[in-house]
Amino acid sequence: MGRRLLWFALWVVAVLGAGALTMVLTRGPGSLTGVDHTFVVPAGTGETLDAGGSVEVLPRDLEVHVGDRMVVVNEDNRPHEVGPWTVPAGNTFTFRFKAVGRYDSHCSLHQGGGRFFIDVLPPLT
């Protein structure tokens, strides 16, 4: 009887330990769950920009938190540069921010190929 009790106790400890480890890995501090920031580049955007027009697809300054994702859906017939990333025509680009910092880069969606800034703040708790 004592041996069965010992095995049962070890099994309970193992199950509880595995559960606790899972919680720490998936929900602990710095967990990468956040908000999606989705932007759609409509068809004809490139032509509008070529003609000197402006488009309102995304802000010049974007503030996100660690764990947030930026999703860019490019419905245009040409690629667009969004910060340091190029989104091919007809594709969707997704990026999850994993570290605090600042992106300062070119963006073809801003008139004249202006700058695009992303400030990544600590995760919300």
N, C-alpha and C. Protein backbone atom coordinates (compact mmCIF):
# COMPACT_ATOMS: atom_id res chain seq x y z
N MET A 1 0.82 -1.20 0.00
CA MET A 1 0.00 0.00 0.00
C MET A 1 0.86 1.26 0.00
N GLY A 2 1.94 1.26 0.76
CA GLY A 2 2.81 2.42 0.84
C GLY A 2 3.45 2.76 -0.50
N ARG A 3 3.78 1.73 -1.26
CA ARG A 3 4.41 1.97 -2.55
C ARG A 3 3.43 2.60 -3.55
N ARG A 4 2.18 2.15 -3.53
CA ARG A 4 1.15 2.73 -4.40
C ARG A 4 0.92 4.19 -4.05
N LEU A 5 0.88 4.49 -2.78
CA LEU A 5 0.68 5.86 -2.34
C LEU A 5 1.84 6.75 -2.80
N LEU A 6 3.05 6.22 -2.70
CA LEU A 6 4.21 6.98 -3.15
C LEU A 6 4.12 7.26 -4.66
N TRP A 7 3.78 6.27 -5.46
CA TRP A 7 3.66 6.46 -6.91
C TRP A 7 2.54 7.45 -7.24
N PHE A 8 1.44 7.34 -6.51
CA PHE A 8 0.33 8.27 -6.73
C PHE A 8 0.77 9.70 -6.41
N ALA A 9 1.47 9.87 -5.30
CA ALA A 9 1.96 11.20 -4.90
C ALA A 9 2.93 11.75 -5.95
N LEU A 10 3.82 10.93 -6.46
CA LEU A 10 4.75 11.37 -7.50
C LEU A 10 4.01 11.76 -8.78
N TRP A 11 2.98 10.99 -9.11
CA TRP A 11 2.19 11.30 -10.30
C TRP A 11 1.49 12.65 -10.14
N VAL A 12 0.89 12.90 -8.97
CA VAL A 12 0.21 14.17 -8.70
C VAL A 12 1.19 15.33 -8.81
N VAL A 13 2.37 15.17 -8.23
CA VAL A 13 3.39 16.23 -8.28
C VAL A 13 3.80 16.48 -9.74
N ALA A 14 3.98 15.43 -10.52
CA ALA A 14 4.37 15.59 -11.92
C ALA A 14 3.29 16.31 -12.72
N VAL A 15 2.04 15.94 -12.52
CA VAL A 15 0.94 16.58 -13.24
C VAL A 15 0.82 18.05 -12.85
N LEU A 16 0.87 18.34 -11.56
CA LEU A 16 0.80 19.72 -11.11
C LEU A 16 2.00 20.53 -11.60
N GLY A 17 3.17 19.93 -11.57
CA GLY A 17 4.37 20.62 -12.06
C GLY A 17 4.28 20.93 -13.53
N ALA A 18 3.79 19.98 -14.32
CA ALA A 18 3.63 20.21 -15.76
C ALA A 18 2.61 21.32 -16.01
N GLY A 19 1.54 21.32 -15.25
CA GLY A 19 0.53 22.37 -15.39
C GLY A 19 1.09 23.74 -15.04
N ALA A 20 1.84 23.81 -13.95
CA ALA A 20 2.44 25.08 -13.53
C ALA A 20 3.44 25.57 -14.57
N LEU A 21 4.25 24.67 -15.10
CA LEU A 21 5.23 25.05 -16.12
C LEU A 21 4.52 25.57 -17.37
N THR A 22 3.45 24.93 -17.76
CA THR A 22 2.68 25.38 -18.92
C THR A 22 2.14 26.78 -18.69
N MET A 23 1.63 27.05 -17.50
CA MET A 23 1.10 28.38 -17.20
C MET A 23 2.21 29.43 -17.25
N VAL A 24 3.37 29.11 -16.72
CA VAL A 24 4.48 30.07 -16.73
C VAL A 24 4.92 30.35 -18.15
N LEU A 25 5.01 29.32 -18.97
CA LEU A 25 5.49 29.50 -20.34
C LEU A 25 4.48 30.22 -21.23
N THR A 26 3.19 30.06 -20.96
CA THR A 26 2.19 30.65 -21.84
C THR A 26 1.57 31.93 -21.30
N ARG A 27 1.62 32.16 -20.00
CA ARG A 27 0.96 33.32 -19.43
C ARG A 27 1.82 34.13 -18.48
N GLY A 28 3.08 33.79 -18.38
CA GLY A 28 3.94 34.48 -17.42
C GLY A 28 4.29 35.88 -17.87
N PRO A 29 5.06 36.59 -17.07
CA PRO A 29 5.48 37.94 -17.44
C PRO A 29 6.18 37.92 -18.79
N GLY A 30 5.88 38.90 -19.61
CA GLY A 30 6.48 38.96 -20.94
C GLY A 30 5.77 38.07 -21.94
N SER A 31 4.62 37.54 -21.56
CA SER A 31 3.86 36.70 -22.45
C SER A 31 3.56 37.45 -23.74
N LEU A 32 3.67 36.77 -24.86
CA LEU A 32 3.50 37.44 -26.15
C LEU A 32 2.05 37.36 -26.64
N THR A 33 1.14 37.86 -25.82
CA THR A 33 -0.23 38.00 -26.26
C THR A 33 -0.56 39.47 -26.21
N GLY A 34 -1.09 39.98 -27.25
CA GLY A 34 -1.36 41.41 -27.30
C GLY A 34 -2.45 41.74 -28.28
N VAL A 35 -2.42 42.94 -28.77
CA VAL A 35 -3.43 43.49 -29.67
C VAL A 35 -2.93 43.40 -31.11
N ASP A 36 -3.84 43.12 -32.03
CA ASP A 36 -3.51 43.18 -33.45
C ASP A 36 -3.78 44.58 -33.97
N HIS A 37 -2.82 45.14 -34.67
CA HIS A 37 -2.96 46.43 -35.35
C HIS A 37 -2.99 46.10 -36.84
N THR A 38 -4.19 46.11 -37.43
CA THR A 38 -4.36 45.67 -38.81
C THR A 38 -4.56 46.87 -39.73
N PHE A 39 -3.82 46.85 -40.83
CA PHE A 39 -3.90 47.92 -41.83
C PHE A 39 -4.10 47.28 -43.20
N VAL A 40 -5.03 47.82 -43.97
CA VAL A 40 -5.32 47.29 -45.31
C VAL A 40 -4.90 48.32 -46.35
N VAL A 41 -4.05 47.88 -47.29
CA VAL A 41 -3.63 48.71 -48.41
C VAL A 41 -4.59 48.41 -49.55
N PRO A 42 -5.51 49.34 -49.87
CA PRO A 42 -6.50 49.04 -50.90
C PRO A 42 -5.90 48.99 -52.30
N ALA A 43 -6.60 48.29 -53.17
CA ALA A 43 -6.21 48.26 -54.59
C ALA A 43 -6.19 49.69 -55.12
N GLY A 44 -5.22 50.01 -55.94
CA GLY A 44 -5.10 51.34 -56.53
C GLY A 44 -4.28 52.32 -55.70
N THR A 45 -3.77 51.88 -54.56
CA THR A 45 -2.99 52.77 -53.70
C THR A 45 -1.74 53.29 -54.41
N GLY A 46 -1.02 52.42 -55.09
CA GLY A 46 0.19 52.83 -55.80
C GLY A 46 -0.10 53.87 -56.87
N GLU A 47 -1.20 53.68 -57.61
CA GLU A 47 -1.58 54.64 -58.65
C GLU A 47 -1.94 55.99 -58.03
N THR A 48 -2.63 55.98 -56.90
CA THR A 48 -2.97 57.23 -56.22
C THR A 48 -1.71 57.97 -55.81
N LEU A 49 -0.75 57.25 -55.25
CA LEU A 49 0.51 57.87 -54.83
C LEU A 49 1.30 58.39 -56.04
N ASP A 50 1.30 57.61 -57.14
CA ASP A 50 2.00 58.04 -58.36
C ASP A 50 1.42 59.35 -58.90
N ALA A 51 0.12 59.54 -58.74
CA ALA A 51 -0.55 60.73 -59.24
C ALA A 51 -0.41 61.92 -58.28
N GLY A 52 0.36 61.73 -57.20
CA GLY A 52 0.57 62.82 -56.25
C GLY A 52 -0.45 62.88 -55.14
N GLY A 53 -1.35 61.91 -55.11
CA GLY A 53 -2.36 61.88 -54.05
C GLY A 53 -1.80 61.29 -52.77
N SER A 54 -2.60 61.38 -51.74
CA SER A 54 -2.19 60.79 -50.46
C SER A 54 -3.21 59.73 -50.07
N VAL A 55 -2.78 58.82 -49.26
CA VAL A 55 -3.65 57.75 -48.76
C VAL A 55 -3.53 57.71 -47.24
N GLU A 56 -4.58 57.28 -46.60
CA GLU A 56 -4.59 57.15 -45.14
C GLU A 56 -4.67 55.66 -44.79
N VAL A 57 -3.55 54.99 -44.90
CA VAL A 57 -3.52 53.56 -44.60
C VAL A 57 -3.04 53.31 -43.18
N LEU A 58 -1.97 53.97 -42.80
CA LEU A 58 -1.46 53.82 -41.44
C LEU A 58 -0.85 55.14 -40.99
N PRO A 59 -0.79 55.35 -39.67
CA PRO A 59 -0.25 56.61 -39.18
C PRO A 59 1.26 56.69 -39.40
N ARG A 60 1.78 57.90 -39.35
CA ARG A 60 3.23 58.09 -39.45
C ARG A 60 3.92 57.60 -38.18
N ASP A 61 3.23 57.72 -37.06
CA ASP A 61 3.75 57.26 -35.76
C ASP A 61 2.79 56.22 -35.21
N LEU A 62 3.33 55.04 -34.94
CA LEU A 62 2.52 53.95 -34.40
C LEU A 62 3.10 53.55 -33.05
N GLU A 63 2.24 53.45 -32.05
CA GLU A 63 2.67 53.03 -30.72
C GLU A 63 2.05 51.67 -30.43
N VAL A 64 2.91 50.71 -30.12
CA VAL A 64 2.47 49.34 -29.82
C VAL A 64 3.14 48.89 -28.53
N HIS A 65 2.75 47.70 -28.07
CA HIS A 65 3.36 47.11 -26.89
C HIS A 65 3.98 45.77 -27.26
N VAL A 66 4.97 45.36 -26.49
CA VAL A 66 5.55 44.03 -26.67
C VAL A 66 4.40 43.02 -26.61
N GLY A 67 4.36 42.12 -27.57
CA GLY A 67 3.29 41.14 -27.66
C GLY A 67 2.24 41.51 -28.70
N ASP A 68 2.15 42.80 -29.07
CA ASP A 68 1.21 43.22 -30.11
C ASP A 68 1.71 42.74 -31.47
N ARG A 69 0.77 42.64 -32.41
CA ARG A 69 1.12 42.27 -33.78
C ARG A 69 0.71 43.38 -34.73
N MET A 70 1.52 43.59 -35.74
CA MET A 70 1.15 44.46 -36.85
C MET A 70 0.82 43.55 -38.03
N VAL A 71 -0.36 43.75 -38.60
CA VAL A 71 -0.81 42.96 -39.74
C VAL A 71 -1.08 43.94 -40.88
N VAL A 72 -0.41 43.73 -42.01
CA VAL A 72 -0.61 44.58 -43.19
C VAL A 72 -1.13 43.69 -44.31
N VAL A 73 -2.34 44.00 -44.78
CA VAL A 73 -2.96 43.27 -45.88
C VAL A 73 -2.81 44.14 -47.13
N ASN A 74 -2.01 43.68 -48.08
CA ASN A 74 -1.74 44.46 -49.29
C ASN A 74 -2.64 43.98 -50.43
N GLU A 75 -3.71 44.73 -50.68
CA GLU A 75 -4.64 44.41 -51.76
C GLU A 75 -4.26 45.12 -53.06
N ASP A 76 -3.16 45.86 -53.04
CA ASP A 76 -2.70 46.59 -54.22
C ASP A 76 -1.99 45.62 -55.18
N ASN A 77 -1.73 46.12 -56.41
CA ASN A 77 -1.06 45.28 -57.41
C ASN A 77 0.44 45.49 -57.43
N ARG A 78 0.98 46.12 -56.40
CA ARG A 78 2.43 46.32 -56.30
C ARG A 78 2.86 46.18 -54.84
N PRO A 79 4.14 45.88 -54.63
CA PRO A 79 4.63 45.77 -53.25
C PRO A 79 4.72 47.15 -52.60
N HIS A 80 4.66 47.16 -51.28
CA HIS A 80 4.82 48.40 -50.53
C HIS A 80 5.78 48.17 -49.38
N GLU A 81 6.60 49.19 -49.12
CA GLU A 81 7.51 49.16 -47.98
C GLU A 81 6.79 49.76 -46.78
N VAL A 82 6.76 48.99 -45.71
CA VAL A 82 6.14 49.44 -44.46
C VAL A 82 7.23 49.34 -43.40
N GLY A 83 7.87 50.45 -43.15
CA GLY A 83 9.01 50.41 -42.24
C GLY A 83 10.10 49.56 -42.86
N PRO A 84 10.71 48.69 -42.07
CA PRO A 84 11.81 47.87 -42.60
C PRO A 84 11.36 46.65 -43.39
N TRP A 85 10.04 46.48 -43.58
CA TRP A 85 9.52 45.29 -44.24
C TRP A 85 8.89 45.63 -45.58
N THR A 86 8.99 44.71 -46.53
CA THR A 86 8.32 44.84 -47.82
C THR A 86 7.18 43.85 -47.86
N VAL A 87 5.99 44.36 -48.21
CA VAL A 87 4.80 43.51 -48.29
C VAL A 87 4.47 43.34 -49.78
N PRO A 88 4.67 42.13 -50.33
CA PRO A 88 4.41 41.91 -51.75
C PRO A 88 2.93 42.13 -52.10
N ALA A 89 2.69 42.44 -53.36
CA ALA A 89 1.31 42.63 -53.85
C ALA A 89 0.47 41.39 -53.55
N GLY A 90 -0.74 41.62 -53.07
CA GLY A 90 -1.66 40.52 -52.82
C GLY A 90 -1.32 39.66 -51.62
N ASN A 91 -0.41 40.09 -50.78
CA ASN A 91 0.01 39.29 -49.62
C ASN A 91 -0.33 39.98 -48.31
N THR A 92 -0.27 39.19 -47.25
CA THR A 92 -0.47 39.69 -45.90
C THR A 92 0.82 39.49 -45.12
N PHE A 93 1.23 40.52 -44.44
CA PHE A 93 2.45 40.48 -43.62
C PHE A 93 2.04 40.60 -42.16
N THR A 94 2.62 39.75 -41.32
CA THR A 94 2.35 39.79 -39.89
C THR A 94 3.66 39.80 -39.13
N PHE A 95 3.75 40.68 -38.15
CA PHE A 95 4.95 40.77 -37.32
C PHE A 95 4.54 40.99 -35.88
N ARG A 96 5.07 40.14 -34.98
CA ARG A 96 4.82 40.31 -33.54
C ARG A 96 6.02 41.01 -32.91
N PHE A 97 5.75 42.07 -32.17
CA PHE A 97 6.81 42.84 -31.52
C PHE A 97 7.23 42.12 -30.24
N LYS A 98 8.52 41.80 -30.15
CA LYS A 98 9.02 41.00 -29.04
C LYS A 98 9.94 41.75 -28.10
N ALA A 99 10.32 42.97 -28.45
CA ALA A 99 11.25 43.72 -27.60
C ALA A 99 10.92 45.21 -27.65
N VAL A 100 11.18 45.87 -26.54
CA VAL A 100 11.00 47.32 -26.45
C VAL A 100 12.00 47.99 -27.38
N GLY A 101 11.58 49.03 -28.07
CA GLY A 101 12.50 49.74 -28.95
C GLY A 101 11.76 50.68 -29.88
N ARG A 102 12.49 51.18 -30.86
CA ARG A 102 11.92 52.13 -31.82
C ARG A 102 12.39 51.75 -33.22
N TYR A 103 11.43 51.67 -34.13
CA TYR A 103 11.73 51.46 -35.54
C TYR A 103 11.59 52.82 -36.23
N ASP A 104 12.58 53.19 -36.99
CA ASP A 104 12.58 54.45 -37.74
C ASP A 104 12.97 54.08 -39.15
N SER A 105 12.01 54.13 -40.07
CA SER A 105 12.30 53.63 -41.40
C SER A 105 11.45 54.34 -42.45
N HIS A 106 11.70 54.00 -43.69
CA HIS A 106 11.00 54.52 -44.86
C HIS A 106 9.66 53.80 -45.00
N CYS A 107 8.67 54.49 -45.55
CA CYS A 107 7.37 53.86 -45.82
C CYS A 107 6.83 54.37 -47.15
N SER A 108 6.61 53.47 -48.08
CA SER A 108 6.13 53.88 -49.40
C SER A 108 4.66 54.31 -49.37
N LEU A 109 3.96 54.09 -48.26
CA LEU A 109 2.55 54.46 -48.16
C LEU A 109 2.36 55.91 -47.73
N HIS A 110 3.43 56.55 -47.33
CA HIS A 110 3.34 57.96 -46.98
C HIS A 110 3.83 58.79 -48.17
N GLN A 111 3.13 59.85 -48.44
CA GLN A 111 3.42 60.68 -49.62
C GLN A 111 4.91 61.03 -49.68
N GLY A 112 5.48 60.82 -50.84
CA GLY A 112 6.89 61.11 -51.02
C GLY A 112 7.81 60.12 -50.34
N GLY A 113 7.29 58.96 -49.97
CA GLY A 113 8.13 57.94 -49.32
C GLY A 113 8.65 58.39 -47.98
N GLY A 114 7.77 58.97 -47.19
CA GLY A 114 8.17 59.53 -45.89
C GLY A 114 8.59 58.50 -44.87
N ARG A 115 8.90 59.01 -43.70
CA ARG A 115 9.36 58.17 -42.60
C ARG A 115 8.17 57.54 -41.88
N PHE A 116 8.44 56.40 -41.26
CA PHE A 116 7.45 55.67 -40.48
C PHE A 116 8.12 55.28 -39.18
N PHE A 117 7.50 55.64 -38.06
CA PHE A 117 8.08 55.38 -36.75
C PHE A 117 7.17 54.44 -35.97
N ILE A 118 7.77 53.43 -35.36
CA ILE A 118 7.03 52.52 -34.48
C ILE A 118 7.72 52.53 -33.13
N ASP A 119 6.99 52.91 -32.11
CA ASP A 119 7.51 52.86 -30.74
C ASP A 119 6.93 51.63 -30.07
N VAL A 120 7.81 50.73 -29.63
CA VAL A 120 7.39 49.50 -28.96
C VAL A 120 7.61 49.69 -27.46
N LEU A 121 6.51 49.69 -26.72
CA LEU A 121 6.54 49.91 -25.28
C LEU A 121 6.49 48.58 -24.54
N PRO A 122 6.79 48.57 -23.24
CA PRO A 122 6.71 47.32 -22.47
C PRO A 122 5.31 46.72 -22.55
N PRO A 123 5.20 45.41 -22.33
CA PRO A 123 3.89 44.76 -22.43
C PRO A 123 2.92 45.28 -21.38
N LEU A 124 1.64 45.27 -21.75
CA LEU A 124 0.60 45.60 -20.78
C LEU A 124 0.41 44.40 -19.87
N THR A 125 0.21 44.65 -18.61
CA THR A 125 0.01 43.53 -17.68
C THR A 125 -1.38 43.51 -17.13
